[in-house]
Amino acid sequence: MGIPRHRAYIGPAFLSYGFRPFFFLGSLYAALSILLWLPVYAGELDAHSVFVPVDWHIHEMLFGYLPAIVTGFLLTAIPNWTGRLPVQGLPLLALVVLWLAGRAAVFFSTDIGWEAAAVIDGSFLLAVAAAAAREIVAGRNWRNLKVLLPLGVLAGANGAFHIEAPSRH
């Protein structure tokens, strides 16, 4: 079953399907975070993060880059699985902004507190899981509810990473 075309989307093409913002921004962030990490690791730039430089890099690849790519895939695949319209426009923009806020919160976590950073960053995966669950349940596509398990594991691991970070700083 292809992506349904019942409602014409008139907003920016960038926000018409989940893969567009998340594949683009996730890939861009992977490259930029390495460029940013090098001076942080060398001690030439202060990241204001509760994570030591190596842990910050690990965190951002596992819980910054990876969730962006997974989200892009899921928000594109789920409409094909369910026959429902894709998450697009303002709801998609809200997810993008939440993901970007998580990246900033982690980078500036000593300024805002590790707890606030954990809540902001952790909210993204929970919001993605909620959006995925809503679409899968509404489409009665029960067999694909299993995608929520890896999202839950990733969210739990992210939370554990945040809880452990202050003890390593």
C-alpha atoms as a PDB file:
ATOM      1  CA  MET A   1       0.000   0.000   0.000  1.00  0.00           C
ATOM      2  CA  GLY A   2       1.470   3.374  -1.006  1.00  0.00           C
ATOM      3  CA  ILE A   3       1.327   6.596   0.951  1.00  0.00           C
ATOM      4  CA  PRO A   4      -2.264   7.876   0.733  1.00  0.00           C
ATOM      5  CA  ARG A   5      -2.941  11.115  -1.099  1.00  0.00           C
ATOM      6  CA  HIS A   6      -6.355  12.064   0.346  1.00  0.00           C
ATOM      7  CA  ARG A   7      -5.462  15.544   1.536  1.00  0.00           C
ATOM      8  CA  ALA A   8      -3.311  17.972  -0.401  1.00  0.00           C
ATOM      9  CA  TYR A   9      -0.440  19.315   1.676  1.00  0.00           C
ATOM     10  CA  ILE A  10       0.277  22.978   0.918  1.00  0.00           C
ATOM     11  CA  GLY A  11       3.082  23.704   3.381  1.00  0.00           C
ATOM     12  CA  PRO A  12       6.831  23.628   2.808  1.00  0.00           C
ATOM     13  CA  ALA A  13       8.072  20.463   1.067  1.00  0.00           C
ATOM     14  CA  PHE A  14      10.683  20.129   3.823  1.00  0.00           C
ATOM     15  CA  LEU A  15       7.854  19.331   6.266  1.00  0.00           C
ATOM     16  CA  SER A  16       5.785  17.085   3.991  1.00  0.00           C
ATOM     17  CA  TYR A  17       7.374  13.767   5.019  1.00  0.00           C
ATOM     18  CA  GLY A  18       9.379  12.823   8.103  1.00  0.00           C
ATOM     19  CA  PHE A  19      12.427  11.672   6.193  1.00  0.00           C
ATOM     20  CA  ARG A  20      13.067  15.133   4.761  1.00  0.00           C
ATOM     21  CA  PRO A  21      13.892  17.108   7.908  1.00  0.00           C
ATOM     22  CA  PHE A  22      15.220  14.191   9.945  1.00  0.00           C
ATOM     23  CA  PHE A  23      17.497  12.601   7.346  1.00  0.00           C
ATOM     24  CA  PHE A  24      18.833  16.025   6.344  1.00  0.00           C
ATOM     25  CA  LEU A  25      19.284  17.458   9.842  1.00  0.00           C
ATOM     26  CA  GLY A  26      20.471  14.163  11.323  1.00  0.00           C
ATOM     27  CA  SER A  27      23.153  13.767   8.670  1.00  0.00           C
ATOM     28  CA  LEU A  28      24.164  17.410   8.908  1.00  0.00           C
ATOM     29  CA  TYR A  29      24.342  17.134  12.682  1.00  0.00           C
ATOM     30  CA  ALA A  30      26.520  14.014  12.508  1.00  0.00           C
ATOM     31  CA  ALA A  31      29.077  15.889  10.421  1.00  0.00           C
ATOM     32  CA  LEU A  32      28.879  19.142  12.387  1.00  0.00           C
ATOM     33  CA  SER A  33      29.033  17.430  15.765  1.00  0.00           C
ATOM     34  CA  ILE A  34      32.305  15.773  14.811  1.00  0.00           C
ATOM     35  CA  LEU A  35      33.691  19.164  13.780  1.00  0.00           C
ATOM     36  CA  LEU A  36      32.448  20.583  17.079  1.00  0.00           C
ATOM     37  CA  TRP A  37      33.670  17.630  19.126  1.00  0.00           C
ATOM     38  CA  LEU A  38      37.283  17.882  17.946  1.00  0.00           C
ATOM     39  CA  PRO A  39      37.997  21.274  19.590  1.00  0.00           C
ATOM     40  CA  VAL A  40      35.974  20.237  22.652  1.00  0.00           C
ATOM     41  CA  TYR A  41      38.017  17.047  22.964  1.00  0.00           C
ATOM     42  CA  ALA A  42      41.261  18.994  22.472  1.00  0.00           C
ATOM     43  CA  GLY A  43      40.238  21.401  25.254  1.00  0.00           C
ATOM     44  CA  GLU A  44      40.011  24.398  22.919  1.00  0.00           C
ATOM     45  CA  LEU A  45      36.236  24.808  23.294  1.00  0.00           C
ATOM     46  CA  ASP A  46      34.071  24.421  26.391  1.00  0.00           C
ATOM     47  CA  ALA A  47      30.890  22.510  25.609  1.00  0.00           C
ATOM     48  CA  HIS A  48      29.149  23.513  28.865  1.00  0.00           C
ATOM     49  CA  SER A  49      28.014  19.887  29.025  1.00  0.00           C
ATOM     50  CA  VAL A  50      27.823  17.592  32.023  1.00  0.00           C
ATOM     51  CA  PHE A  51      29.227  14.947  29.703  1.00  0.00           C
ATOM     52  CA  VAL A  52      32.986  14.592  29.369  1.00  0.00           C
ATOM     53  CA  PRO A  53      33.947  15.065  25.685  1.00  0.00           C
ATOM     54  CA  VAL A  54      34.086  11.364  24.791  1.00  0.00           C
ATOM     55  CA  ASP A  55      30.742  10.710  26.504  1.00  0.00           C
ATOM     56  CA  TRP A  56      29.198  13.745  24.792  1.00  0.00           C
ATOM     57  CA  HIS A  57      30.280  12.377  21.410  1.00  0.00           C
ATOM     58  CA  ILE A  58      28.956   8.894  22.229  1.00  0.00           C
ATOM     59  CA  HIS A  59      25.682  10.362  23.495  1.00  0.00           C
ATOM     60  CA  GLU A  60      25.138  12.529  20.458  1.00  0.00           C
ATOM     61  CA  MET A  61      25.785   9.713  17.998  1.00  0.00           C
ATOM     62  CA  LEU A  62      23.569   7.217  19.867  1.00  0.00           C
ATOM     63  CA  PHE A  63      20.850   9.538  21.167  1.00  0.00           C
ATOM     64  CA  GLY A  64      21.087  12.531  18.811  1.00  0.00           C
ATOM     65  CA  TYR A  65      21.949  11.286  15.330  1.00  0.00           C
ATOM     66  CA  LEU A  66      20.461   7.776  15.505  1.00  0.00           C
ATOM     67  CA  PRO A  67      16.995   8.833  16.759  1.00  0.00           C
ATOM     68  CA  ALA A  68      16.790  11.474  14.018  1.00  0.00           C
ATOM     69  CA  ILE A  69      17.410   8.871  11.327  1.00  0.00           C
ATOM     70  CA  VAL A  70      15.089   6.311  12.957  1.00  0.00           C
ATOM     71  CA  THR A  71      12.383   8.979  13.263  1.00  0.00           C
ATOM     72  CA  GLY A  72      12.751   9.935   9.611  1.00  0.00           C
ATOM     73  CA  PHE A  73      12.336   6.300   8.654  1.00  0.00           C
ATOM     74  CA  LEU A  74       9.375   5.634  10.956  1.00  0.00           C
ATOM     75  CA  LEU A  75       7.461   8.786  10.020  1.00  0.00           C
ATOM     76  CA  THR A  76       7.817   7.792   6.374  1.00  0.00           C
ATOM     77  CA  ALA A  77       7.191   4.052   6.751  1.00  0.00           C
ATOM     78  CA  ILE A  78       4.231   4.137   9.139  1.00  0.00           C
ATOM     79  CA  PRO A  79       1.864   5.826   6.629  1.00  0.00           C
ATOM     80  CA  ASN A  80       2.760   3.061   4.158  1.00  0.00           C
ATOM     81  CA  TRP A  81       2.012   0.418   6.793  1.00  0.00           C
ATOM     82  CA  THR A  82      -1.247   1.968   7.996  1.00  0.00           C
ATOM     83  CA  GLY A  83      -2.683   3.731   4.955  1.00  0.00           C
ATOM     84  CA  ARG A  84      -2.917   6.914   7.012  1.00  0.00           C
ATOM     85  CA  LEU A  85      -1.589  10.330   6.086  1.00  0.00           C
ATOM     86  CA  PRO A  86       1.948  11.166   7.229  1.00  0.00           C
ATOM     87  CA  VAL A  87       2.773  13.413  10.158  1.00  0.00           C
ATOM     88  CA  GLN A  88       3.501  16.684   8.370  1.00  0.00           C
ATOM     89  CA  GLY A  89       3.440  20.444   8.741  1.00  0.00           C
ATOM     90  CA  LEU A  90       3.287  21.870  12.262  1.00  0.00           C
ATOM     91  CA  PRO A  91       3.242  18.504  14.097  1.00  0.00           C
ATOM     92  CA  LEU A  92       6.371  17.476  12.190  1.00  0.00           C
ATOM     93  CA  LEU A  93       7.938  20.873  12.860  1.00  0.00           C
ATOM     94  CA  ALA A  94       7.215  20.416  16.579  1.00  0.00           C
ATOM     95  CA  LEU A  95       9.143  17.123  16.536  1.00  0.00           C
ATOM     96  CA  VAL A  96      12.033  18.753  14.667  1.00  0.00           C
ATOM     97  CA  VAL A  97      12.172  21.636  17.162  1.00  0.00           C
ATOM     98  CA  LEU A  98      12.051  19.174  20.069  1.00  0.00           C
ATOM     99  CA  TRP A  99      14.961  17.219  18.563  1.00  0.00           C
ATOM    100  CA  LEU A 100      16.967  20.433  18.059  1.00  0.00           C
ATOM    101  CA  ALA A 101      16.144  21.538  21.617  1.00  0.00           C
ATOM    102  CA  GLY A 102      17.508  18.223  22.871  1.00  0.00           C
ATOM    103  CA  ARG A 103      20.778  18.783  21.028  1.00  0.00           C
ATOM    104  CA  ALA A 104      21.130  22.280  22.516  1.00  0.00           C
ATOM    105  CA  ALA A 105      20.097  21.092  25.994  1.00  0.00           C
ATOM    106  CA  VAL A 106      22.777  18.402  26.033  1.00  0.00           C
ATOM    107  CA  PHE A 107      25.446  20.806  24.781  1.00  0.00           C
ATOM    108  CA  PHE A 108      24.563  23.415  27.425  1.00  0.00           C
ATOM    109  CA  SER A 109      23.573  20.982  30.191  1.00  0.00           C
ATOM    110  CA  THR A 110      25.851  22.523  32.839  1.00  0.00           C
ATOM    111  CA  ASP A 111      24.074  25.845  32.263  1.00  0.00           C
ATOM    112  CA  ILE A 112      20.515  24.503  32.477  1.00  0.00           C
ATOM    113  CA  GLY A 113      21.148  21.531  34.787  1.00  0.00           C
ATOM    114  CA  TRP A 114      21.483  17.882  33.898  1.00  0.00           C
ATOM    115  CA  GLU A 115      17.899  17.200  34.975  1.00  0.00           C
ATOM    116  CA  ALA A 116      16.433  19.795  32.604  1.00  0.00           C
ATOM    117  CA  ALA A 117      18.686  18.556  29.809  1.00  0.00           C
ATOM    118  CA  ALA A 118      17.545  14.981  30.438  1.00  0.00           C
ATOM    119  CA  VAL A 119      13.867  15.969  30.338  1.00  0.00           C
ATOM    120  CA  ILE A 120      14.223  18.045  27.160  1.00  0.00           C
ATOM    121  CA  ASP A 121      16.374  15.465  25.393  1.00  0.00           C
ATOM    122  CA  GLY A 122      14.320  12.495  26.590  1.00  0.00           C
ATOM    123  CA  SER A 123      11.051  14.107  25.514  1.00  0.00           C
ATOM    124  CA  PHE A 124      11.909  13.659  21.857  1.00  0.00           C
ATOM    125  CA  LEU A 125      11.959   9.855  21.845  1.00  0.00           C
ATOM    126  CA  LEU A 126       8.804   9.756  23.965  1.00  0.00           C
ATOM    127  CA  ALA A 127       7.043  12.110  21.538  1.00  0.00           C
ATOM    128  CA  VAL A 128       8.139   9.991  18.572  1.00  0.00           C
ATOM    129  CA  ALA A 129       6.907   6.834  20.313  1.00  0.00           C
ATOM    130  CA  ALA A 130       3.567   8.525  21.059  1.00  0.00           C
ATOM    131  CA  ALA A 131       3.183   9.681  17.444  1.00  0.00           C
ATOM    132  CA  ALA A 132       4.104   6.236  16.130  1.00  0.00           C
ATOM    133  CA  ALA A 133       1.731   4.493  18.545  1.00  0.00           C
ATOM    134  CA  ARG A 134      -1.128   6.846  17.680  1.00  0.00           C
ATOM    135  CA  GLU A 135      -0.751   6.228  13.941  1.00  0.00           C
ATOM    136  CA  ILE A 136      -0.274   2.468  14.241  1.00  0.00           C
ATOM    137  CA  VAL A 137      -3.259   2.061  16.580  1.00  0.00           C
ATOM    138  CA  ALA A 138      -5.485   4.379  14.514  1.00  0.00           C
ATOM    139  CA  GLY A 139      -4.557   2.387  11.418  1.00  0.00           C
ATOM    140  CA  ARG A 140      -5.216  -0.895  13.277  1.00  0.00           C
ATOM    141  CA  ASN A 141      -1.801  -2.095  12.163  1.00  0.00           C
ATOM    142  CA  TRP A 142      -1.156  -4.154  15.288  1.00  0.00           C
ATOM    143  CA  ARG A 143       1.780  -6.147  13.936  1.00  0.00           C
ATOM    144  CA  ASN A 144       3.886  -2.998  13.670  1.00  0.00           C
ATOM    145  CA  LEU A 145       3.404  -2.007  17.298  1.00  0.00           C
ATOM    146  CA  LYS A 146       6.688  -3.868  17.797  1.00  0.00           C
ATOM    147  CA  VAL A 147       8.580  -0.759  16.584  1.00  0.00           C
ATOM    148  CA  LEU A 148       7.715   0.821  19.926  1.00  0.00           C
ATOM    149  CA  LEU A 149       9.984  -1.626  21.763  1.00  0.00           C
ATOM    150  CA  PRO A 150      13.278  -0.375  20.271  1.00  0.00           C
ATOM    151  CA  LEU A 151      12.108   3.210  20.781  1.00  0.00           C
ATOM    152  CA  GLY A 152      11.416   2.420  24.429  1.00  0.00           C
ATOM    153  CA  VAL A 153      14.796   0.735  24.867  1.00  0.00           C
ATOM    154  CA  LEU A 154      16.533   3.711  23.245  1.00  0.00           C
ATOM    155  CA  ALA A 155      14.608   6.149  25.466  1.00  0.00           C
ATOM    156  CA  GLY A 156      15.476   4.135  28.573  1.00  0.00           C
ATOM    157  CA  ALA A 157      19.148   3.951  27.623  1.00  0.00           C
ATOM    158  CA  ASN A 158      19.158   7.695  26.990  1.00  0.00           C
ATOM    159  CA  GLY A 159      17.679   8.304  30.430  1.00  0.00           C
ATOM    160  CA  ALA A 160      20.288   6.059  32.035  1.00  0.00           C
ATOM    161  CA  PHE A 161      23.050   7.877  30.158  1.00  0.00           C
ATOM    162  CA  HIS A 162      21.783  11.205  31.516  1.00  0.00           C
ATOM    163  CA  ILE A 163      21.479   9.907  35.080  1.00  0.00           C
ATOM    164  CA  GLU A 164      25.014   8.530  34.983  1.00  0.00           C
ATOM    165  CA  ALA A 165      26.618  11.618  33.400  1.00  0.00           C
ATOM    166  CA  PRO A 166      26.993  13.845  36.499  1.00  0.00           C
ATOM    167  CA  SER A 167      29.016  11.143  38.252  1.00  0.00           C
ATOM    168  CA  ARG A 168      31.610  11.202  35.450  1.00  0.00           C
ATOM    169  CA  HIS A 169      31.986  14.977  35.111  1.00  0.00           C
END
